[in-house]
């Protein structure tokens, strides 16, 4: 008995229909939890980044508690000589203030975005990016001071435990990279907002997504500040 099943390939139209159906089914999930794909993907990225920073900070705390060599005093290492006096953690306090202030300007930018006031939104995003650039500049000054003046290296430290240099440059450098990427991200989005890129669709959710990233970067710095500079 001969088989009635055809061995010929499916018609192109059927394949196209199948692809369109797959895309429709996939895209329909964007309303499953009332969250767009862009926001969902940003949350997933931030969750994975949280694991990375958690590993770094946990490793830092483990190394610091396990070392038998005295750990350098952060108040002395990160102090500045101003007006003939040594001021502990002055630069770090300014950096923290700048970054926390940038969270406020970013939150206002998101608010203006949903009110469709694109000029105010773009201006506040540019201010936020300026705060971020100032933070990275101060961090570069801090690195220069430690490397040139104090002789700290990733593989050594004349002030105490050699692990100090490796953990400091790894953690603050990784965070500084995030801030730098955030500044570039904010500048790109702010430029598009200012040019009216999202006026046609009326969807300014990209500003909120950028805000999620920026608030995450600020929150991570709070933990770095508490565990590395105050401990």
Protein backbone atom coordinates (compact mmCIF):
# COMPACT_ATOMS: atom_id res chain seq x y z
CA UNK A 1 0.00 0.00 0.00
CA UNK A 2 1.41 3.38 -0.98
CA UNK A 3 1.62 6.18 1.54
CA UNK A 4 -0.57 9.28 1.07
CA UNK A 5 1.84 11.52 3.00
CA UNK A 6 3.61 13.95 0.69
CA UNK A 7 7.37 14.28 1.07
CA UNK A 8 7.47 17.64 -0.72
CA UNK A 9 8.69 20.71 1.29
CA UNK A 10 6.17 23.17 2.65
CA UNK A 11 5.22 26.11 0.48
CA UNK A 12 6.95 29.46 1.13
CA UNK A 13 3.65 31.03 2.12
CA UNK A 14 3.12 28.42 4.80
CA UNK A 15 6.60 29.04 6.17
CA UNK A 16 5.99 32.78 6.22
CA UNK A 17 2.70 32.25 8.01
CA UNK A 18 4.41 30.05 10.56
CA UNK A 19 7.12 32.65 11.19
CA UNK A 20 4.55 35.40 11.57
CA UNK A 21 2.59 33.23 13.96
CA UNK A 22 5.71 32.55 16.01
CA UNK A 23 6.54 36.25 16.17
CA UNK A 24 2.95 37.08 17.14
CA UNK A 25 2.95 34.46 19.89
CA UNK A 26 6.33 35.63 21.18
CA UNK A 27 5.45 39.33 21.15
CA UNK A 28 2.09 38.71 22.82
CA UNK A 29 3.95 37.81 26.01
CA UNK A 30 4.91 41.45 26.46
CA UNK A 31 1.51 41.90 28.11
CA UNK A 32 1.66 38.75 30.19
CA UNK A 33 2.91 40.69 33.23
CA UNK A 34 1.98 44.15 31.92
CA UNK A 35 5.66 44.91 31.36
CA UNK A 36 7.27 45.69 28.01
CA UNK A 37 10.11 43.57 26.69
CA UNK A 38 12.53 46.47 27.02
CA UNK A 39 11.84 46.96 30.72
CA UNK A 40 11.80 43.20 31.37
CA UNK A 41 15.18 42.74 29.68
CA UNK A 42 16.65 45.61 31.68
CA UNK A 43 15.44 44.02 34.92
CA UNK A 44 17.00 40.70 33.88
CA UNK A 45 20.28 42.44 33.08
CA UNK A 46 20.27 44.29 36.40
CA UNK A 47 19.55 41.05 38.24
CA UNK A 48 22.53 39.35 36.62
CA UNK A 49 24.68 42.40 37.38
CA UNK A 50 23.57 42.23 41.00
CA UNK A 51 24.99 38.72 41.21
CA UNK A 52 28.32 39.92 39.78
CA UNK A 53 28.67 42.83 42.21
CA UNK A 54 27.57 40.59 45.08
CA UNK A 55 30.34 38.13 44.23
CA UNK A 56 32.90 40.93 44.07
CA UNK A 57 31.87 42.43 47.41
CA UNK A 58 31.62 39.02 49.08
CA UNK A 59 35.09 38.16 47.81
CA UNK A 60 36.39 41.48 49.11
CA UNK A 61 34.94 40.91 52.57
CA UNK A 62 36.31 37.36 52.66
CA UNK A 63 39.80 38.49 51.68
CA UNK A 64 39.78 41.32 54.19
CA UNK A 65 38.71 39.13 57.09
CA UNK A 66 41.13 36.34 56.15
CA UNK A 67 44.29 38.39 55.70
CA UNK A 68 46.79 38.48 58.55
CA UNK A 69 48.45 41.68 57.33
CA UNK A 70 46.90 44.94 58.65
CA UNK A 71 44.41 46.51 56.26
CA UNK A 72 45.07 50.17 55.39
CA UNK A 73 42.91 52.73 57.19
CA UNK A 74 40.46 54.12 54.57
CA UNK A 75 40.20 57.45 56.39
CA UNK A 76 43.93 57.99 55.90
CA UNK A 77 44.28 56.42 52.46
CA UNK A 78 41.39 58.34 50.91
CA UNK A 79 41.90 61.59 52.78
CA UNK A 80 42.83 64.92 51.20
CA UNK A 81 45.20 67.62 52.46
CA UNK A 82 43.18 70.84 52.42
CA UNK A 83 44.22 74.12 54.04
CA UNK A 84 47.01 72.50 55.98
CA UNK A 85 44.72 69.83 57.43
CA UNK A 86 44.05 66.23 56.51
CA UNK A 87 40.34 65.77 55.78
CA UNK A 88 39.33 62.07 55.79
CA UNK A 89 37.14 60.78 52.95
CA UNK A 90 36.49 64.28 51.58
CA UNK A 91 36.71 63.27 47.93
CA UNK A 92 34.64 60.13 48.50
CA UNK A 93 31.93 62.18 50.24
CA UNK A 94 31.75 64.56 47.27
CA UNK A 95 31.61 61.65 44.83
CA UNK A 96 28.78 60.06 46.80
CA UNK A 97 26.86 63.34 46.97
CA UNK A 98 27.23 63.86 43.22
CA UNK A 99 26.03 60.36 42.37
CA UNK A 100 23.04 60.47 44.74
CA UNK A 101 22.08 63.89 43.39
CA UNK A 102 22.16 62.45 39.87
CA UNK A 103 19.49 59.94 40.92
CA UNK A 104 17.23 62.87 41.77
CA UNK A 105 17.73 64.56 38.40
CA UNK A 106 17.16 61.24 36.63
CA UNK A 107 13.89 60.70 38.51
CA UNK A 108 12.73 64.18 37.47
CA UNK A 109 13.70 63.41 33.86
CA UNK A 110 11.47 60.32 33.90
CA UNK A 111 8.64 62.40 35.34
CA UNK A 112 8.93 65.01 32.58
CA UNK A 113 9.14 62.23 29.98
CA UNK A 114 5.76 60.82 30.94
CA UNK A 115 4.33 64.34 30.92
CA UNK A 116 5.58 64.66 27.29
CA UNK A 117 7.81 67.63 28.14
CA UNK A 118 10.77 66.52 26.09
CA UNK A 119 12.96 69.61 26.47
CA UNK A 120 12.91 69.50 30.26
CA UNK A 121 13.40 65.73 30.13
CA UNK A 122 16.40 65.96 27.82
CA UNK A 123 17.93 68.78 29.89
CA UNK A 124 17.68 66.80 33.11
CA UNK A 125 19.15 63.72 31.43
CA UNK A 126 22.08 65.83 30.24
CA UNK A 127 22.54 67.14 33.79
CA UNK A 128 22.49 63.56 35.06
CA UNK A 129 25.12 62.59 32.50
CA UNK A 130 27.21 65.60 33.59
CA UNK A 131 27.04 64.42 37.21
CA UNK A 132 28.11 60.96 36.06
CA UNK A 133 31.05 62.37 34.09
CA UNK A 134 32.09 64.39 37.15
CA UNK A 135 31.98 61.23 39.27
CA UNK A 136 34.19 59.33 36.82
CA UNK A 137 36.62 62.28 36.67
CA UNK A 138 36.94 62.33 40.46
CA UNK A 139 37.45 58.58 40.45
CA UNK A 140 40.26 59.00 37.91
CA UNK A 141 41.84 61.58 40.21
CA UNK A 142 41.52 59.14 43.12
CA UNK A 143 43.20 56.37 41.12
CA UNK A 144 46.00 58.70 40.04
CA UNK A 145 46.63 59.77 43.63
CA UNK A 146 46.83 56.17 44.85
CA UNK A 147 49.03 54.95 41.98
CA UNK A 148 51.41 57.90 41.67
CA UNK A 149 51.56 59.30 45.21
CA UNK A 150 50.91 56.22 47.34
CA UNK A 151 52.40 53.52 45.11
CA UNK A 152 49.35 51.24 45.27
CA UNK A 153 49.24 48.53 42.59
CA UNK A 154 46.84 45.65 41.89
CA UNK A 155 49.62 43.26 42.93
CA UNK A 156 51.02 45.21 45.87
CA UNK A 157 50.45 47.87 48.47
CA UNK A 158 53.13 49.65 50.55
CA UNK A 159 50.57 50.60 53.23
CA UNK A 160 49.58 47.11 54.29
CA UNK A 161 47.76 44.11 52.90
CA UNK A 162 48.62 43.53 49.23
CA UNK A 163 45.02 42.46 48.53
CA UNK A 164 43.93 46.05 49.11
CA UNK A 165 45.06 47.18 45.67
CA UNK A 166 43.55 44.28 43.75
CA UNK A 167 40.14 44.50 45.41
CA UNK A 168 40.01 48.29 45.22
CA UNK A 169 40.86 48.56 41.52
CA UNK A 170 38.64 45.63 40.58
CA UNK A 171 35.51 46.80 42.39
CA UNK A 172 35.75 50.55 41.80
CA UNK A 173 36.96 50.02 38.23
CA UNK A 174 34.04 47.75 37.39
CA UNK A 175 31.62 50.25 38.89
CA UNK A 176 33.32 53.13 37.09
CA UNK A 177 32.87 51.23 33.82
CA UNK A 178 29.15 51.00 34.54
CA UNK A 179 28.94 54.73 35.22
CA UNK A 180 30.83 55.51 32.01
CA UNK A 181 28.50 53.29 29.97
CA UNK A 182 25.56 54.93 31.70
CA UNK A 183 26.78 58.40 30.75
CA UNK A 184 27.05 57.37 27.10
CA UNK A 185 23.62 55.71 27.27
CA UNK A 186 22.03 58.84 28.78
CA UNK A 187 23.61 61.12 26.18
CA UNK A 188 22.27 58.98 23.33
CA UNK A 189 18.74 58.81 24.74
CA UNK A 190 18.72 62.51 25.66
CA UNK A 191 19.74 63.43 22.11
CA UNK A 192 16.91 61.34 20.67
CA UNK A 193 14.42 62.85 23.10
CA UNK A 194 15.53 66.37 22.23
CA UNK A 195 15.16 65.68 18.51
CA UNK A 196 11.62 64.42 19.02
CA UNK A 197 12.44 60.81 18.18
CA UNK A 198 9.67 59.52 20.48
CA UNK A 199 7.08 62.19 19.73
CA UNK A 200 5.36 60.21 16.97
CA UNK A 201 4.76 57.10 19.04
CA UNK A 202 4.37 59.01 22.30
CA UNK A 203 6.27 56.20 24.04
CA UNK A 204 8.96 57.59 26.33
CA UNK A 205 9.50 54.33 28.21
CA UNK A 206 13.14 54.27 27.08
CA UNK A 207 13.76 57.13 29.52
CA UNK A 208 12.39 55.04 32.38
CA UNK A 209 14.52 52.08 31.28
CA UNK A 210 17.62 54.31 31.30
CA UNK A 211 16.55 55.51 34.73
CA UNK A 212 16.39 51.94 36.03
CA UNK A 213 19.98 51.39 34.97
CA UNK A 214 21.16 54.66 36.50
CA UNK A 215 19.43 54.08 39.85
CA UNK A 216 21.00 50.62 39.98
CA UNK A 217 24.47 52.11 39.47
CA UNK A 218 23.82 54.59 42.28
CA UNK A 219 22.54 51.86 44.61
CA UNK A 220 25.62 49.71 44.01
CA UNK A 221 27.84 52.67 44.92
CA UNK A 222 26.08 52.95 48.30
CA UNK A 223 27.16 49.38 49.10
CA UNK A 224 30.70 50.01 47.84
CA UNK A 225 30.90 53.19 49.90
CA UNK A 226 29.70 51.44 53.05
CA UNK A 227 31.79 48.28 52.74
CA UNK A 228 35.01 49.65 51.25
CA UNK A 229 35.36 53.21 52.53
CA UNK A 230 33.59 53.10 55.91
CA UNK A 231 34.56 49.61 57.08
